[in-house]
Amino acid sequence: CHGDIAPIQRRHRSDATETSLRYNGDIAPIQRRHRSDTTETSLRYNGDIAQMPRRHRSD
């Protein structure tokens, strides 16, 4: 009975640590992706604004 309690506690601690590491690991990439997406969107948005007047002038 006591032999089963110890491994369960160890597993619980290891699982909690792995979960926290995975959770923290997921937060960083999401923020990075969000920043890169907003940057790409702003560049594309600004790029479209610049091209539109050019097309209008050419027409």
Protein backbone atom coordinates (compact mmCIF):
# COMPACT_ATOMS: atom_id res chain seq x y z
CA CYS A 1 0.00 0.00 0.00
CA HIS A 2 2.75 2.45 0.95
CA GLY A 3 4.77 1.28 -2.03
CA ASP A 4 2.00 2.41 -4.38
CA ILE A 5 1.58 5.85 -2.79
CA ALA A 6 5.18 6.94 -3.38
CA PRO A 7 5.28 6.25 -7.14
CA ILE A 8 1.90 7.97 -7.60
CA GLN A 9 3.16 11.12 -5.88
CA ARG A 10 6.31 11.06 -7.99
CA ARG A 11 4.30 10.63 -11.16
CA HIS A 12 1.96 13.42 -10.13
CA ARG A 13 4.88 15.76 -9.51
CA SER A 14 6.58 14.84 -12.77
CA ASP A 15 3.33 15.24 -14.69
CA ALA A 16 2.69 18.65 -13.13
CA THR A 17 6.21 19.75 -14.03
CA GLU A 18 5.92 18.50 -17.61
CA THR A 19 2.51 20.13 -17.96
CA SER A 20 3.81 23.48 -16.70
CA LEU A 21 6.81 23.25 -19.05
CA ARG A 22 4.57 22.37 -21.99
CA TYR A 23 2.12 25.12 -21.04
CA ASN A 24 4.88 27.72 -20.78
CA GLY A 25 6.45 26.38 -23.94
CA ASP A 26 3.19 26.82 -25.83
CA ILE A 27 2.67 30.39 -24.64
CA ALA A 28 5.94 31.66 -26.13
CA PRO A 29 5.40 30.36 -29.70
CA ILE A 30 1.82 31.65 -29.71
CA GLN A 31 2.98 35.16 -28.79
CA ARG A 32 5.72 34.98 -31.39
CA ARG A 33 3.29 33.79 -34.05
CA HIS A 34 0.83 36.52 -33.09
CA ARG A 35 3.53 39.16 -33.39
CA SER A 36 4.76 37.81 -36.73
CA ASP A 37 1.19 37.58 -38.06
CA THR A 38 0.38 41.17 -37.07
CA THR A 39 3.63 42.34 -38.65
CA GLU A 40 2.97 40.46 -41.89
CA THR A 41 -0.62 41.71 -41.94
CA SER A 42 0.46 45.32 -41.43
CA LEU A 43 3.08 44.96 -44.19
CA ARG A 44 0.52 43.44 -46.57
CA TYR A 45 -2.06 46.06 -45.61
CA ASN A 46 0.41 48.90 -46.18
CA GLY A 47 1.59 47.22 -49.36
CA ASP A 48 -1.98 47.10 -50.70
CA ILE A 49 -2.58 50.76 -49.87
CA ALA A 50 0.55 51.80 -51.78
CA GLN A 51 -0.29 49.65 -54.82
CA MET A 52 -3.92 50.76 -55.05
CA PRO A 53 -3.17 54.46 -55.81
CA ARG A 54 -0.56 53.35 -58.34
CA ARG A 55 -3.08 51.17 -60.15
CA HIS A 56 -5.64 53.96 -60.04
CA ARG A 57 -3.13 56.41 -61.48
CA SER A 58 -2.06 53.98 -64.19
CA ASP A 59 -5.68 53.39 -65.15
